[in-house]
Protein backbone atom coordinates (compact mmCIF):
# COMPACT_ATOMS: atom_id res chain seq x y z
CA UNK A 1 6.71 34.39 -39.87
CA UNK A 2 9.33 31.79 -40.45
CA UNK A 3 9.41 28.98 -37.97
CA UNK A 4 12.84 28.15 -36.81
CA UNK A 5 13.56 24.43 -36.28
CA UNK A 6 16.36 23.26 -34.07
CA UNK A 7 17.44 19.80 -35.11
CA UNK A 8 19.35 18.17 -32.31
CA UNK A 9 20.23 14.53 -31.93
CA UNK A 10 20.68 11.62 -34.32
CA UNK A 11 18.20 13.01 -36.84
CA UNK A 12 20.15 16.23 -37.31
CA UNK A 13 22.02 14.85 -40.28
CA UNK A 14 18.85 13.66 -42.00
CA UNK A 15 17.31 17.16 -41.76
CA UNK A 16 13.75 15.88 -41.43
CA UNK A 17 11.31 18.57 -40.32
CA UNK A 18 9.87 17.68 -36.93
CA UNK A 19 12.36 14.88 -36.33
CA UNK A 20 14.83 14.86 -33.49
CA UNK A 21 14.15 16.23 -30.06
CA UNK A 22 11.59 18.91 -29.37
CA UNK A 23 11.29 21.53 -32.09
CA UNK A 24 10.41 24.27 -29.61
CA UNK A 25 6.71 23.92 -30.26
CA UNK A 26 5.95 22.75 -26.74
CA UNK A 27 5.47 19.05 -27.40
CA UNK A 28 7.76 18.04 -24.58
CA UNK A 29 6.11 20.52 -22.22
CA UNK A 30 2.66 19.11 -23.04
CA UNK A 31 3.92 15.58 -22.36
CA UNK A 32 5.26 16.62 -18.96
CA UNK A 33 2.01 18.36 -18.02
CA UNK A 34 -0.06 15.36 -19.11
CA UNK A 35 2.16 12.97 -17.14
CA UNK A 36 1.85 14.99 -13.93
CA UNK A 37 -1.94 15.26 -14.33
CA UNK A 38 -2.18 11.51 -14.92
CA UNK A 39 0.00 10.75 -11.88
CA UNK A 40 -2.24 12.95 -9.71
CA UNK A 41 -5.30 10.93 -10.79
CA UNK A 42 -3.52 7.65 -10.00
CA UNK A 43 -2.55 8.48 -6.42
CA UNK A 44 -4.06 6.03 -3.95
CA UNK A 45 -5.01 3.34 -6.46
CA UNK A 46 -4.22 -0.29 -5.56
CA UNK A 47 -0.73 -1.35 -6.51
CA UNK A 48 0.77 2.10 -6.29
CA UNK A 49 3.91 2.52 -4.20
CA UNK A 50 2.68 5.83 -2.77
CA UNK A 51 -0.59 4.33 -1.53
CA UNK A 52 -1.22 4.93 2.17
CA UNK A 53 -2.76 1.97 3.98
CA UNK A 54 -4.71 2.81 7.11
CA UNK A 55 -4.81 0.52 10.13
CA UNK A 56 -8.13 -1.31 10.47
CA UNK A 57 -8.15 -0.69 14.20
CA UNK A 58 -6.94 2.86 14.79
CA UNK A 59 -6.65 4.40 11.31
CA UNK A 60 -2.95 5.22 11.57
CA UNK A 61 -0.87 4.83 8.38
CA UNK A 62 0.86 1.47 8.10
CA UNK A 63 2.88 -0.46 5.54
CA UNK A 64 1.70 -3.84 6.79
CA UNK A 65 -0.06 -6.11 4.31
CA UNK A 66 -2.65 -7.20 6.91
CA UNK A 67 -3.62 -3.54 7.49
CA UNK A 68 -2.79 -3.59 11.22
CA UNK A 69 -0.20 -1.18 12.63
CA UNK A 70 2.53 -2.50 14.91
CA UNK A 71 1.06 -0.95 18.07
CA UNK A 72 -2.40 -2.44 17.47
CA UNK A 73 -0.87 -5.84 16.65
CA UNK A 74 1.02 -5.79 19.96
CA UNK A 75 -2.14 -4.77 21.83
CA UNK A 76 -4.18 -7.53 20.16
CA UNK A 77 -1.47 -10.08 20.92
CA UNK A 78 -1.43 -9.07 24.60
CA UNK A 79 -5.24 -9.18 24.77
CA UNK A 80 -5.30 -12.69 23.26
CA UNK A 81 -2.59 -13.81 25.66
CA UNK A 82 -4.57 -12.56 28.66
CA UNK A 83 -7.71 -14.29 27.40
CA UNK A 84 -5.84 -17.57 26.93
CA UNK A 85 -4.25 -17.38 30.38
CA UNK A 86 -7.69 -16.73 31.91
CA UNK A 87 -9.05 -19.73 30.00
CA UNK A 88 -6.18 -21.86 31.33
CA UNK A 89 -6.98 -20.76 34.89
CA UNK A 90 -10.67 -21.60 34.47
CA UNK A 91 -9.92 -25.09 33.14
CA UNK A 92 -7.04 -25.59 35.59
CA UNK A 93 -4.45 -26.45 32.99
CA UNK A 94 -0.90 -25.21 32.65
CA UNK A 95 -0.55 -25.08 28.84
CA UNK A 96 -2.86 -23.89 26.07
CA UNK A 97 -2.37 -27.26 24.34
CA UNK A 98 -4.04 -28.93 27.32
CA UNK A 99 -7.25 -26.89 26.95
CA UNK A 100 -10.32 -28.79 25.74
CA UNK A 101 -11.06 -28.34 22.04
CA UNK A 102 -14.56 -27.08 22.81
CA UNK A 103 -13.12 -24.20 24.87
CA UNK A 104 -10.79 -23.20 22.05
CA UNK A 105 -13.61 -23.38 19.49
CA UNK A 106 -15.78 -21.22 21.75
CA UNK A 107 -12.98 -18.67 22.02
CA UNK A 108 -12.55 -18.60 18.25
CA UNK A 109 -16.26 -17.89 17.81
CA UNK A 110 -16.05 -15.06 20.37
CA UNK A 111 -13.04 -13.52 18.63
CA UNK A 112 -14.74 -13.63 15.25
CA UNK A 113 -12.94 -16.56 13.67
CA UNK A 114 -14.65 -19.56 12.00
């Protein structure tokens, strides 16, 4: 019937009931359980370090801020390069800088930019 208090820590000399570290009533255990439940609800929220970002193109996990994995970025880069080289052949120019502005604007519209 008597509750036994263990006073440990800096408050041990003051002998205040309930002061100090856990008095074996489960307070610390309840805090740990609440913290783990709260962390489980927070998983995947923006700003969390454990958030998995999926690639916009293939859905693979990526850490890139533009949400494109490295493989898809390489594939897109190669595809753009091929399109630009084909455009250079059509307009009979050697460098992309020599292409007419209208051709570049048309390409941007096709690729979904501006």
